[in-house]
Amino acid sequence: MDCEHTLSGASSSNEPHLLIQGDLNDIVRDLNLSKKQAELLGSRLKGRKLLRQNTKVCFYRGHHEEFKDLFSQEDCVVFCNDVCSIMEVLDRKCNPE
């Protein structure tokens, strides 16, 4: 008797189960991959057409860049040094009170 293993939600046909963004994120987290390793995995899966078309392969890069100048560190304390600007970046109204 031949046992066939499938991914959750995948059919037993010969068609590949294309991964969605959540699947890729789960794999990266479960394997505790670094940023570079996560991008390499995503790139390889995309190259083999195993990712759905709208799945993003770029992880984590640059998300902090627009915020880094709005924070300061003194000793072990990190704090926002320009609340109004960070609210503007987040597209929120600043209420200084």
N, C-alpha and C. Protein backbone atom coordinates (compact mmCIF):
# COMPACT_ATOMS: atom_id res chain seq x y z
N MET A 1 0.85 -1.17 0.00
CA MET A 1 0.00 0.00 0.00
C MET A 1 0.90 1.24 0.00
N ASP A 2 0.55 2.19 -0.83
CA ASP A 2 1.34 3.39 -1.01
C ASP A 2 0.70 4.54 -0.26
N CYS A 3 1.42 5.17 0.66
CA CYS A 3 0.88 6.31 1.40
C CYS A 3 1.28 7.60 0.71
N GLU A 4 0.32 8.49 0.57
CA GLU A 4 0.62 9.77 -0.06
C GLU A 4 0.44 10.88 0.96
N HIS A 5 1.48 11.68 1.16
CA HIS A 5 1.44 12.78 2.11
C HIS A 5 1.13 14.06 1.36
N THR A 6 0.23 14.84 1.91
CA THR A 6 -0.10 16.12 1.28
C THR A 6 -0.05 17.22 2.32
N LEU A 7 0.14 18.44 1.85
CA LEU A 7 0.07 19.61 2.74
C LEU A 7 -1.37 19.85 3.10
N SER A 8 -1.57 20.47 4.22
CA SER A 8 -2.93 20.83 4.62
C SER A 8 -3.58 21.65 3.52
N GLY A 9 -4.75 21.22 3.08
CA GLY A 9 -5.48 21.95 2.05
C GLY A 9 -5.09 21.57 0.64
N ALA A 10 -4.04 20.79 0.45
CA ALA A 10 -3.64 20.40 -0.89
C ALA A 10 -4.38 19.14 -1.30
N SER A 11 -4.68 19.05 -2.58
CA SER A 11 -5.36 17.85 -3.06
C SER A 11 -4.33 16.76 -3.32
N SER A 12 -4.81 15.54 -3.55
CA SER A 12 -3.89 14.43 -3.78
C SER A 12 -3.53 14.30 -5.25
N SER A 13 -3.89 15.29 -6.07
CA SER A 13 -3.53 15.24 -7.49
C SER A 13 -2.06 15.59 -7.66
N ASN A 14 -1.60 15.54 -8.87
CA ASN A 14 -0.20 15.86 -9.17
C ASN A 14 0.04 17.36 -9.29
N GLU A 15 -1.01 18.16 -9.14
CA GLU A 15 -0.88 19.61 -9.23
C GLU A 15 -0.20 20.14 -7.96
N PRO A 16 0.73 21.09 -8.11
CA PRO A 16 1.39 21.65 -6.92
C PRO A 16 0.43 22.53 -6.13
N HIS A 17 0.64 22.57 -4.84
CA HIS A 17 -0.11 23.47 -3.96
C HIS A 17 0.67 24.78 -3.93
N LEU A 18 0.15 25.81 -4.60
CA LEU A 18 0.84 27.10 -4.63
C LEU A 18 0.70 27.77 -3.27
N LEU A 19 1.81 28.22 -2.73
CA LEU A 19 1.82 28.85 -1.42
C LEU A 19 1.33 30.29 -1.51
N ILE A 20 0.62 30.71 -0.49
CA ILE A 20 0.18 32.09 -0.38
C ILE A 20 1.08 32.79 0.64
N GLN A 21 0.91 34.09 0.79
CA GLN A 21 1.76 34.88 1.68
C GLN A 21 1.79 34.31 3.09
N GLY A 22 0.63 33.94 3.62
CA GLY A 22 0.57 33.39 4.98
C GLY A 22 1.36 32.11 5.12
N ASP A 23 1.28 31.24 4.09
CA ASP A 23 2.05 29.98 4.12
C ASP A 23 3.54 30.26 4.19
N LEU A 24 3.99 31.19 3.34
CA LEU A 24 5.42 31.52 3.30
C LEU A 24 5.85 32.13 4.63
N ASN A 25 5.05 33.03 5.17
CA ASN A 25 5.38 33.65 6.46
C ASN A 25 5.47 32.59 7.56
N ASP A 26 4.54 31.64 7.56
CA ASP A 26 4.54 30.57 8.56
C ASP A 26 5.80 29.72 8.46
N ILE A 27 6.21 29.38 7.24
CA ILE A 27 7.41 28.56 7.03
C ILE A 27 8.64 29.31 7.54
N VAL A 28 8.75 30.58 7.20
CA VAL A 28 9.89 31.40 7.63
C VAL A 28 9.95 31.45 9.15
N ARG A 29 8.79 31.66 9.80
CA ARG A 29 8.75 31.71 11.26
C ARG A 29 9.08 30.35 11.88
N ASP A 30 8.45 29.28 11.35
CA ASP A 30 8.66 27.94 11.91
C ASP A 30 10.12 27.49 11.81
N LEU A 31 10.79 27.89 10.73
CA LEU A 31 12.19 27.50 10.53
C LEU A 31 13.15 28.51 11.15
N ASN A 32 12.60 29.60 11.72
CA ASN A 32 13.41 30.64 12.35
C ASN A 32 14.50 31.15 11.39
N LEU A 33 14.08 31.46 10.16
CA LEU A 33 15.03 31.89 9.14
C LEU A 33 15.42 33.35 9.33
N SER A 34 16.65 33.67 8.98
CA SER A 34 17.09 35.06 8.99
C SER A 34 16.44 35.78 7.81
N LYS A 35 16.59 37.09 7.77
CA LYS A 35 16.03 37.87 6.66
C LYS A 35 16.58 37.39 5.32
N LYS A 36 17.89 37.20 5.27
CA LYS A 36 18.52 36.75 4.03
C LYS A 36 18.02 35.37 3.62
N GLN A 37 17.93 34.47 4.59
CA GLN A 37 17.48 33.11 4.31
C GLN A 37 16.02 33.11 3.84
N ALA A 38 15.19 33.95 4.45
CA ALA A 38 13.78 34.05 4.08
C ALA A 38 13.64 34.54 2.65
N GLU A 39 14.43 35.54 2.29
CA GLU A 39 14.37 36.06 0.92
C GLU A 39 14.89 35.04 -0.08
N LEU A 40 15.92 34.30 0.29
CA LEU A 40 16.45 33.26 -0.60
C LEU A 40 15.41 32.17 -0.81
N LEU A 41 14.77 31.73 0.27
CA LEU A 41 13.72 30.72 0.14
C LEU A 41 12.59 31.23 -0.75
N GLY A 42 12.13 32.43 -0.49
CA GLY A 42 11.06 33.01 -1.31
C GLY A 42 11.44 33.12 -2.77
N SER A 43 12.66 33.54 -3.02
CA SER A 43 13.14 33.67 -4.40
C SER A 43 13.19 32.32 -5.11
N ARG A 44 13.68 31.31 -4.40
CA ARG A 44 13.76 29.96 -4.99
C ARG A 44 12.37 29.39 -5.26
N LEU A 45 11.45 29.57 -4.32
CA LEU A 45 10.09 29.08 -4.51
C LEU A 45 9.41 29.80 -5.67
N LYS A 46 9.65 31.11 -5.76
CA LYS A 46 9.07 31.89 -6.86
C LYS A 46 9.66 31.45 -8.19
N GLY A 47 10.97 31.19 -8.22
CA GLY A 47 11.62 30.73 -9.45
C GLY A 47 11.09 29.39 -9.93
N ARG A 48 10.62 28.56 -9.01
CA ARG A 48 10.06 27.25 -9.36
C ARG A 48 8.54 27.31 -9.50
N LYS A 49 8.02 28.55 -9.50
CA LYS A 49 6.59 28.80 -9.66
C LYS A 49 5.75 28.05 -8.63
N LEU A 50 6.20 28.09 -7.37
CA LEU A 50 5.48 27.45 -6.28
C LEU A 50 4.78 28.46 -5.37
N LEU A 51 4.86 29.75 -5.75
CA LEU A 51 4.17 30.80 -5.00
C LEU A 51 3.07 31.38 -5.87
N ARG A 52 1.99 31.75 -5.25
CA ARG A 52 0.94 32.45 -5.99
C ARG A 52 1.51 33.77 -6.48
N GLN A 53 0.95 34.26 -7.56
CA GLN A 53 1.50 35.43 -8.24
C GLN A 53 1.62 36.67 -7.36
N ASN A 54 0.70 36.90 -6.45
CA ASN A 54 0.73 38.13 -5.64
C ASN A 54 1.51 37.98 -4.34
N THR A 55 2.24 36.88 -4.16
CA THR A 55 3.01 36.65 -2.94
C THR A 55 4.29 37.47 -2.97
N LYS A 56 4.54 38.24 -1.92
CA LYS A 56 5.74 39.08 -1.85
C LYS A 56 6.91 38.26 -1.33
N VAL A 57 8.08 38.49 -1.91
CA VAL A 57 9.28 37.76 -1.52
C VAL A 57 10.19 38.62 -0.65
N CYS A 58 10.02 39.92 -0.66
CA CYS A 58 10.87 40.82 0.11
C CYS A 58 10.36 40.91 1.54
N PHE A 59 11.17 40.51 2.50
CA PHE A 59 10.79 40.51 3.91
C PHE A 59 11.52 41.61 4.65
N TYR A 60 10.84 42.30 5.51
CA TYR A 60 11.42 43.14 6.55
C TYR A 60 12.23 44.35 6.09
N ARG A 61 12.73 44.36 4.91
CA ARG A 61 13.71 45.37 4.51
C ARG A 61 13.15 46.78 4.47
N GLY A 62 13.81 47.66 5.16
CA GLY A 62 13.52 49.07 5.05
C GLY A 62 12.26 49.57 5.73
N HIS A 63 11.51 48.72 6.40
CA HIS A 63 10.28 49.17 7.01
C HIS A 63 10.54 50.21 8.11
N HIS A 64 11.68 50.17 8.70
CA HIS A 64 11.99 51.08 9.80
C HIS A 64 12.60 52.40 9.34
N GLU A 65 13.04 52.47 8.10
CA GLU A 65 13.80 53.63 7.62
C GLU A 65 13.09 54.96 7.83
N GLU A 66 11.79 55.03 7.52
CA GLU A 66 11.10 56.31 7.64
C GLU A 66 10.87 56.72 9.10
N PHE A 67 11.08 55.79 10.03
CA PHE A 67 10.87 56.08 11.44
C PHE A 67 12.15 56.31 12.24
N LYS A 68 13.29 55.88 11.71
CA LYS A 68 14.50 55.86 12.53
C LYS A 68 14.94 57.24 13.04
N ASP A 69 14.71 58.29 12.27
CA ASP A 69 15.11 59.62 12.72
C ASP A 69 14.13 60.21 13.72
N LEU A 70 13.01 59.56 13.92
CA LEU A 70 11.99 60.06 14.85
C LEU A 70 12.16 59.49 16.25
N PHE A 71 13.19 58.66 16.43
CA PHE A 71 13.46 58.05 17.73
C PHE A 71 14.89 58.35 18.16
N SER A 72 15.09 58.42 19.45
CA SER A 72 16.41 58.64 20.03
C SER A 72 16.64 57.62 21.12
N GLN A 73 17.91 57.46 21.47
CA GLN A 73 18.25 56.56 22.57
C GLN A 73 19.20 57.26 23.51
N GLU A 74 18.89 57.18 24.78
CA GLU A 74 19.78 57.68 25.83
C GLU A 74 19.93 56.55 26.84
N ASP A 75 21.15 56.09 26.98
CA ASP A 75 21.43 54.93 27.82
C ASP A 75 20.58 53.76 27.32
N CYS A 76 19.75 53.21 28.17
CA CYS A 76 18.92 52.05 27.78
C CYS A 76 17.50 52.44 27.42
N VAL A 77 17.22 53.73 27.25
CA VAL A 77 15.87 54.19 26.99
C VAL A 77 15.76 54.67 25.54
N VAL A 78 14.80 54.13 24.82
CA VAL A 78 14.50 54.57 23.46
C VAL A 78 13.17 55.30 23.50
N PHE A 79 13.11 56.46 22.84
CA PHE A 79 11.88 57.25 22.89
C PHE A 79 11.66 57.98 21.58
N CYS A 80 10.40 58.30 21.32
CA CYS A 80 10.03 59.08 20.14
C CYS A 80 10.38 60.53 20.43
N ASN A 81 11.15 61.16 19.55
CA ASN A 81 11.58 62.54 19.78
C ASN A 81 10.76 63.55 18.98
N ASP A 82 9.82 63.07 18.17
CA ASP A 82 9.00 63.97 17.35
C ASP A 82 7.64 63.32 17.11
N VAL A 83 6.77 63.43 18.09
CA VAL A 83 5.46 62.77 18.05
C VAL A 83 4.63 63.27 16.86
N CYS A 84 4.63 64.57 16.60
CA CYS A 84 3.82 65.11 15.50
C CYS A 84 4.26 64.53 14.15
N SER A 85 5.56 64.40 13.94
CA SER A 85 6.05 63.84 12.68
C SER A 85 5.69 62.37 12.53
N ILE A 86 5.78 61.61 13.62
CA ILE A 86 5.45 60.19 13.51
C ILE A 86 3.95 60.02 13.26
N MET A 87 3.15 60.88 13.83
CA MET A 87 1.71 60.82 13.56
C MET A 87 1.42 61.16 12.10
N GLU A 88 2.18 62.09 11.54
CA GLU A 88 2.03 62.45 10.14
C GLU A 88 2.40 61.26 9.24
N VAL A 89 3.50 60.58 9.54
CA VAL A 89 3.92 59.41 8.77
C VAL A 89 2.84 58.32 8.84
N LEU A 90 2.21 58.18 10.00
CA LEU A 90 1.15 57.19 10.18
C LEU A 90 -0.21 57.66 9.69
N ASP A 91 -0.23 58.87 9.10
CA ASP A 91 -1.45 59.47 8.55
C ASP A 91 -2.53 59.64 9.62
N ARG A 92 -2.09 60.14 10.77
CA ARG A 92 -3.00 60.39 11.89
C ARG A 92 -2.88 61.85 12.29
N LYS A 93 -3.92 62.37 12.91
CA LYS A 93 -3.87 63.74 13.42
C LYS A 93 -3.08 63.75 14.72
N CYS A 94 -2.27 64.78 14.87
CA CYS A 94 -1.49 64.94 16.09
C CYS A 94 -2.25 65.82 17.06
N ASN A 95 -2.47 65.30 18.27
CA ASN A 95 -3.08 66.07 19.33
C ASN A 95 -2.05 66.17 20.45
N PRO A 96 -1.33 67.29 20.54
CA PRO A 96 -0.23 67.42 21.51
C PRO A 96 -0.67 67.29 22.96
N GLU A 97 -1.94 67.36 23.22
CA GLU A 97 -2.41 67.22 24.58
C GLU A 97 -2.39 65.76 24.92
